[in-house]
Amino acid sequence: MIADKAKETGSDIECFQSNHEGEIIDRIQKSYFDGTEGIVINPGAYTHYSYAIRDALASITVPKVEIHISDIDAREEFRKVSVTAPVCDLQIKGEGLAGYLHAIDFVLGASK
């Protein structure tokens, strides 16, 4: 789905996944130097408590979108709090996988 979106828009889109907080931070910080024009991030459970990921996101100036497949506001109380959303330009939740495409559209529009 994302590869098709890249072809459709003529964009280079890198997918990166890790269950390790430090690796996520390293990838965000790599964007200082590698020409990254925007970030779409689904921080999963890190959304609710990772001030380290929040700080990494806050330190970069490219457009950033926080994405959640489910509607985190309709889930448990602790999931309603995002420490990362305030340093992102947009939060998308509850759109399923289509939310990733919405986020890519936002980043592509914002980076022009």
N, C-alpha and C. Protein backbone atom coordinates (compact mmCIF):
# COMPACT_ATOMS: atom_id res chain seq x y z
N MET A 1 0.83 -1.18 0.00
CA MET A 1 0.00 0.00 0.00
C MET A 1 0.88 1.26 0.00
N ILE A 2 1.89 1.27 0.85
CA ILE A 2 2.77 2.43 0.91
C ILE A 2 3.67 2.48 -0.31
N ALA A 3 4.13 1.33 -0.79
CA ALA A 3 4.94 1.29 -2.01
C ALA A 3 4.13 1.82 -3.19
N ASP A 4 2.86 1.46 -3.26
CA ASP A 4 1.99 1.98 -4.33
C ASP A 4 1.84 3.50 -4.22
N LYS A 5 1.72 4.01 -2.99
CA LYS A 5 1.60 5.45 -2.76
C LYS A 5 2.89 6.15 -3.21
N ALA A 6 4.03 5.55 -2.94
CA ALA A 6 5.30 6.13 -3.37
C ALA A 6 5.36 6.23 -4.89
N LYS A 7 4.97 5.15 -5.58
CA LYS A 7 4.95 5.17 -7.04
C LYS A 7 3.99 6.23 -7.57
N GLU A 8 2.80 6.27 -6.98
CA GLU A 8 1.76 7.21 -7.40
C GLU A 8 2.23 8.66 -7.27
N THR A 9 2.97 8.96 -6.22
CA THR A 9 3.38 10.34 -5.95
C THR A 9 4.79 10.65 -6.41
N GLY A 10 5.51 9.64 -6.90
CA GLY A 10 6.88 9.84 -7.31
C GLY A 10 7.81 10.14 -6.14
N SER A 11 7.50 9.56 -5.01
CA SER A 11 8.25 9.82 -3.78
C SER A 11 9.09 8.61 -3.39
N ASP A 12 10.16 8.89 -2.67
CA ASP A 12 10.93 7.83 -2.03
C ASP A 12 10.43 7.75 -0.60
N ILE A 13 9.87 6.62 -0.22
CA ILE A 13 9.34 6.45 1.13
C ILE A 13 10.06 5.27 1.77
N GLU A 14 10.69 5.53 2.88
CA GLU A 14 11.38 4.49 3.64
C GLU A 14 10.48 4.03 4.77
N CYS A 15 10.32 2.74 4.89
CA CYS A 15 9.59 2.17 6.03
C CYS A 15 10.63 1.65 7.03
N PHE A 16 10.42 1.99 8.28
CA PHE A 16 11.32 1.58 9.34
C PHE A 16 10.48 1.12 10.51
N GLN A 17 10.81 -0.02 11.07
CA GLN A 17 10.08 -0.55 12.23
C GLN A 17 11.08 -1.07 13.23
N SER A 18 10.84 -0.75 14.50
CA SER A 18 11.66 -1.30 15.56
C SER A 18 10.84 -1.36 16.83
N ASN A 19 11.15 -2.34 17.64
CA ASN A 19 10.55 -2.44 18.96
C ASN A 19 11.47 -1.86 20.02
N HIS A 20 12.56 -1.22 19.59
CA HIS A 20 13.57 -0.70 20.50
C HIS A 20 13.57 0.82 20.46
N GLU A 21 13.28 1.42 21.59
CA GLU A 21 13.17 2.87 21.68
C GLU A 21 14.41 3.58 21.15
N GLY A 22 15.58 3.12 21.52
CA GLY A 22 16.81 3.76 21.06
C GLY A 22 16.98 3.73 19.56
N GLU A 23 16.59 2.63 18.93
CA GLU A 23 16.68 2.55 17.46
C GLU A 23 15.73 3.54 16.80
N ILE A 24 14.56 3.72 17.39
CA ILE A 24 13.60 4.70 16.85
C ILE A 24 14.18 6.10 16.97
N ILE A 25 14.76 6.41 18.11
CA ILE A 25 15.39 7.71 18.31
C ILE A 25 16.54 7.91 17.34
N ASP A 26 17.37 6.89 17.17
CA ASP A 26 18.48 6.98 16.22
C ASP A 26 17.97 7.28 14.81
N ARG A 27 16.89 6.63 14.40
CA ARG A 27 16.35 6.87 13.04
C ARG A 27 15.80 8.28 12.91
N ILE A 28 15.11 8.75 13.93
CA ILE A 28 14.61 10.13 13.90
C ILE A 28 15.79 11.09 13.78
N GLN A 29 16.81 10.90 14.59
CA GLN A 29 17.96 11.80 14.57
C GLN A 29 18.76 11.70 13.27
N LYS A 30 18.74 10.56 12.63
CA LYS A 30 19.41 10.41 11.33
C LYS A 30 18.81 11.38 10.31
N SER A 31 17.57 11.76 10.50
CA SER A 31 16.91 12.65 9.54
C SER A 31 17.53 14.04 9.50
N TYR A 32 18.36 14.39 10.51
CA TYR A 32 19.10 15.65 10.45
C TYR A 32 19.98 15.72 9.21
N PHE A 33 20.47 14.57 8.76
CA PHE A 33 21.56 14.53 7.79
C PHE A 33 21.21 13.86 6.47
N ASP A 34 20.12 13.14 6.40
CA ASP A 34 19.92 12.29 5.23
C ASP A 34 18.88 12.80 4.23
N GLY A 35 18.40 14.02 4.40
CA GLY A 35 17.46 14.57 3.44
C GLY A 35 16.00 14.20 3.68
N THR A 36 15.71 13.59 4.81
CA THR A 36 14.31 13.26 5.14
C THR A 36 13.47 14.52 5.09
N GLU A 37 12.33 14.44 4.40
CA GLU A 37 11.46 15.61 4.24
C GLU A 37 10.22 15.54 5.11
N GLY A 38 10.04 14.45 5.82
CA GLY A 38 8.89 14.32 6.71
C GLY A 38 8.90 12.97 7.38
N ILE A 39 8.18 12.88 8.50
CA ILE A 39 8.12 11.65 9.27
C ILE A 39 6.68 11.31 9.58
N VAL A 40 6.32 10.08 9.32
CA VAL A 40 5.05 9.49 9.76
C VAL A 40 5.43 8.45 10.80
N ILE A 41 4.92 8.61 12.01
CA ILE A 41 5.33 7.71 13.08
C ILE A 41 4.10 7.17 13.81
N ASN A 42 4.12 5.85 14.01
CA ASN A 42 3.17 5.20 14.90
C ASN A 42 3.99 4.72 16.09
N PRO A 43 4.02 5.51 17.16
CA PRO A 43 4.87 5.14 18.28
C PRO A 43 4.33 4.02 19.15
N GLY A 44 3.15 3.50 18.85
CA GLY A 44 2.59 2.43 19.66
C GLY A 44 2.50 2.83 21.12
N ALA A 45 2.87 1.93 22.02
CA ALA A 45 2.79 2.23 23.45
C ALA A 45 3.74 3.36 23.85
N TYR A 46 4.80 3.59 23.07
CA TYR A 46 5.70 4.70 23.38
C TYR A 46 4.97 6.05 23.34
N THR A 47 3.86 6.10 22.62
CA THR A 47 3.04 7.31 22.55
C THR A 47 2.77 7.89 23.92
N HIS A 48 2.54 7.01 24.88
CA HIS A 48 2.01 7.41 26.18
C HIS A 48 3.09 7.74 27.21
N TYR A 49 4.35 7.40 26.92
CA TYR A 49 5.34 7.64 27.96
C TYR A 49 6.75 7.95 27.47
N SER A 50 7.02 7.91 26.19
CA SER A 50 8.41 8.08 25.74
C SER A 50 8.75 9.55 25.51
N TYR A 51 9.24 10.16 26.58
CA TYR A 51 9.71 11.53 26.44
C TYR A 51 10.99 11.58 25.62
N ALA A 52 11.71 10.49 25.52
CA ALA A 52 12.91 10.44 24.69
C ALA A 52 12.54 10.53 23.21
N ILE A 53 11.52 9.79 22.78
CA ILE A 53 11.06 9.90 21.39
C ILE A 53 10.46 11.27 21.16
N ARG A 54 9.71 11.78 22.15
CA ARG A 54 9.15 13.13 22.03
C ARG A 54 10.25 14.15 21.80
N ASP A 55 11.32 14.08 22.59
CA ASP A 55 12.42 15.03 22.45
C ASP A 55 13.10 14.91 21.08
N ALA A 56 13.26 13.69 20.61
CA ALA A 56 13.86 13.50 19.28
C ALA A 56 12.98 14.12 18.20
N LEU A 57 11.68 13.90 18.29
CA LEU A 57 10.76 14.50 17.32
C LEU A 57 10.77 16.03 17.41
N ALA A 58 10.82 16.55 18.63
CA ALA A 58 10.82 18.00 18.82
C ALA A 58 12.07 18.66 18.24
N SER A 59 13.14 17.91 18.14
CA SER A 59 14.41 18.48 17.70
C SER A 59 14.53 18.63 16.19
N ILE A 60 13.59 18.09 15.45
CA ILE A 60 13.67 18.18 13.99
C ILE A 60 12.56 19.09 13.46
N THR A 61 12.81 19.69 12.32
CA THR A 61 11.88 20.69 11.80
C THR A 61 11.05 20.21 10.61
N VAL A 62 11.23 18.99 10.17
CA VAL A 62 10.43 18.49 9.05
C VAL A 62 9.00 18.23 9.52
N PRO A 63 8.03 18.17 8.60
CA PRO A 63 6.66 17.82 9.01
C PRO A 63 6.63 16.43 9.65
N LYS A 64 5.84 16.32 10.71
CA LYS A 64 5.75 15.06 11.47
C LYS A 64 4.28 14.75 11.73
N VAL A 65 3.90 13.50 11.49
CA VAL A 65 2.54 13.05 11.75
C VAL A 65 2.58 11.83 12.65
N GLU A 66 1.83 11.90 13.74
CA GLU A 66 1.64 10.74 14.62
C GLU A 66 0.40 10.00 14.15
N ILE A 67 0.52 8.71 13.93
CA ILE A 67 -0.59 7.90 13.40
C ILE A 67 -0.90 6.76 14.35
N HIS A 68 -2.19 6.49 14.49
CA HIS A 68 -2.67 5.33 15.25
C HIS A 68 -3.76 4.65 14.43
N ILE A 69 -3.64 3.36 14.24
CA ILE A 69 -4.63 2.61 13.46
C ILE A 69 -5.98 2.65 14.15
N SER A 70 -5.99 2.48 15.46
CA SER A 70 -7.25 2.53 16.22
C SER A 70 -7.47 3.95 16.74
N ASP A 71 -8.67 4.20 17.22
CA ASP A 71 -8.97 5.49 17.83
C ASP A 71 -8.56 5.40 19.30
N ILE A 72 -7.41 5.95 19.62
CA ILE A 72 -6.90 5.83 20.98
C ILE A 72 -7.79 6.53 22.00
N ASP A 73 -8.59 7.48 21.56
CA ASP A 73 -9.52 8.15 22.48
C ASP A 73 -10.69 7.26 22.88
N ALA A 74 -10.91 6.21 22.13
CA ALA A 74 -12.02 5.29 22.43
C ALA A 74 -11.55 4.06 23.19
N ARG A 75 -10.32 4.07 23.62
CA ARG A 75 -9.75 2.92 24.31
C ARG A 75 -9.55 3.23 25.80
N GLU A 76 -8.65 2.53 26.45
CA GLU A 76 -8.43 2.71 27.88
C GLU A 76 -7.98 4.15 28.17
N GLU A 77 -8.21 4.59 29.40
CA GLU A 77 -7.88 5.96 29.79
C GLU A 77 -6.43 6.32 29.52
N PHE A 78 -5.50 5.42 29.85
CA PHE A 78 -4.09 5.76 29.69
C PHE A 78 -3.71 5.96 28.23
N ARG A 79 -4.48 5.38 27.31
CA ARG A 79 -4.17 5.53 25.88
C ARG A 79 -4.61 6.88 25.33
N LYS A 80 -5.39 7.61 26.07
CA LYS A 80 -5.89 8.91 25.60
C LYS A 80 -4.83 9.99 25.72
N VAL A 81 -3.74 9.70 26.42
CA VAL A 81 -2.67 10.68 26.62
C VAL A 81 -1.52 10.36 25.67
N SER A 82 -1.16 11.35 24.86
CA SER A 82 -0.01 11.20 23.98
C SER A 82 1.02 12.26 24.35
N VAL A 83 2.21 11.80 24.68
CA VAL A 83 3.29 12.75 24.96
C VAL A 83 3.99 13.18 23.67
N THR A 84 3.76 12.44 22.60
CA THR A 84 4.43 12.75 21.34
C THR A 84 3.61 13.66 20.42
N ALA A 85 2.30 13.61 20.52
CA ALA A 85 1.45 14.42 19.63
C ALA A 85 1.73 15.92 19.69
N PRO A 86 1.99 16.50 20.87
CA PRO A 86 2.22 17.94 20.90
C PRO A 86 3.41 18.44 20.08
N VAL A 87 4.35 17.56 19.75
CA VAL A 87 5.50 17.98 18.95
C VAL A 87 5.36 17.55 17.49
N CYS A 88 4.20 17.00 17.14
CA CYS A 88 3.90 16.64 15.76
C CYS A 88 2.97 17.69 15.16
N ASP A 89 2.93 17.75 13.85
CA ASP A 89 2.07 18.71 13.16
C ASP A 89 0.63 18.23 13.05
N LEU A 90 0.45 16.92 13.16
CA LEU A 90 -0.89 16.33 12.99
C LEU A 90 -0.91 14.99 13.70
N GLN A 91 -2.07 14.66 14.27
CA GLN A 91 -2.28 13.32 14.84
C GLN A 91 -3.47 12.72 14.10
N ILE A 92 -3.30 11.52 13.59
CA ILE A 92 -4.36 10.80 12.91
C ILE A 92 -4.64 9.55 13.71
N LYS A 93 -5.91 9.30 14.01
CA LYS A 93 -6.28 8.12 14.79
C LYS A 93 -7.61 7.58 14.32
N GLY A 94 -7.70 6.26 14.33
CA GLY A 94 -8.95 5.60 14.01
C GLY A 94 -9.30 5.49 12.55
N GLU A 95 -8.35 5.69 11.66
CA GLU A 95 -8.62 5.56 10.22
C GLU A 95 -8.14 4.23 9.67
N GLY A 96 -7.71 3.34 10.55
CA GLY A 96 -7.16 2.08 10.08
C GLY A 96 -5.88 2.33 9.31
N LEU A 97 -5.56 1.40 8.42
CA LEU A 97 -4.32 1.54 7.63
C LEU A 97 -4.37 2.73 6.69
N ALA A 98 -5.57 3.16 6.30
CA ALA A 98 -5.70 4.33 5.43
C ALA A 98 -5.12 5.58 6.07
N GLY A 99 -5.02 5.59 7.38
CA GLY A 99 -4.42 6.73 8.07
C GLY A 99 -2.99 6.97 7.64
N TYR A 100 -2.27 5.91 7.30
CA TYR A 100 -0.90 6.08 6.82
C TYR A 100 -0.88 6.86 5.50
N LEU A 101 -1.82 6.56 4.62
CA LEU A 101 -1.89 7.27 3.34
C LEU A 101 -2.26 8.73 3.55
N HIS A 102 -3.19 8.99 4.46
CA HIS A 102 -3.57 10.35 4.83
C HIS A 102 -2.34 11.10 5.36
N ALA A 103 -1.57 10.45 6.21
CA ALA A 103 -0.37 11.06 6.78
C ALA A 103 0.65 11.36 5.70
N ILE A 104 0.85 10.45 4.77
CA ILE A 104 1.79 10.69 3.67
C ILE A 104 1.34 11.89 2.84
N ASP A 105 0.06 11.96 2.54
CA ASP A 105 -0.45 13.13 1.80
C ASP A 105 -0.16 14.43 2.54
N PHE A 106 -0.37 14.42 3.85
CA PHE A 106 -0.08 15.60 4.65
C PHE A 106 1.40 15.98 4.57
N VAL A 107 2.27 15.02 4.77
CA VAL A 107 3.71 15.29 4.73
C VAL A 107 4.13 15.80 3.36
N LEU A 108 3.64 15.18 2.31
CA LEU A 108 4.01 15.63 0.96
C LEU A 108 3.53 17.04 0.69
N GLY A 109 2.33 17.37 1.16
CA GLY A 109 1.81 18.72 0.99
C GLY A 109 2.55 19.74 1.84
N ALA A 110 2.92 19.35 3.03
CA ALA A 110 3.58 20.26 3.96
C ALA A 110 5.04 20.50 3.60
N SER A 111 5.64 19.55 2.90
CA SER A 111 7.08 19.68 2.62
C SER A 111 7.34 20.44 1.32
N LYS A 112 6.30 20.86 0.65
CA LYS A 112 6.49 21.62 -0.61
C LYS A 112 6.78 23.07 -0.34
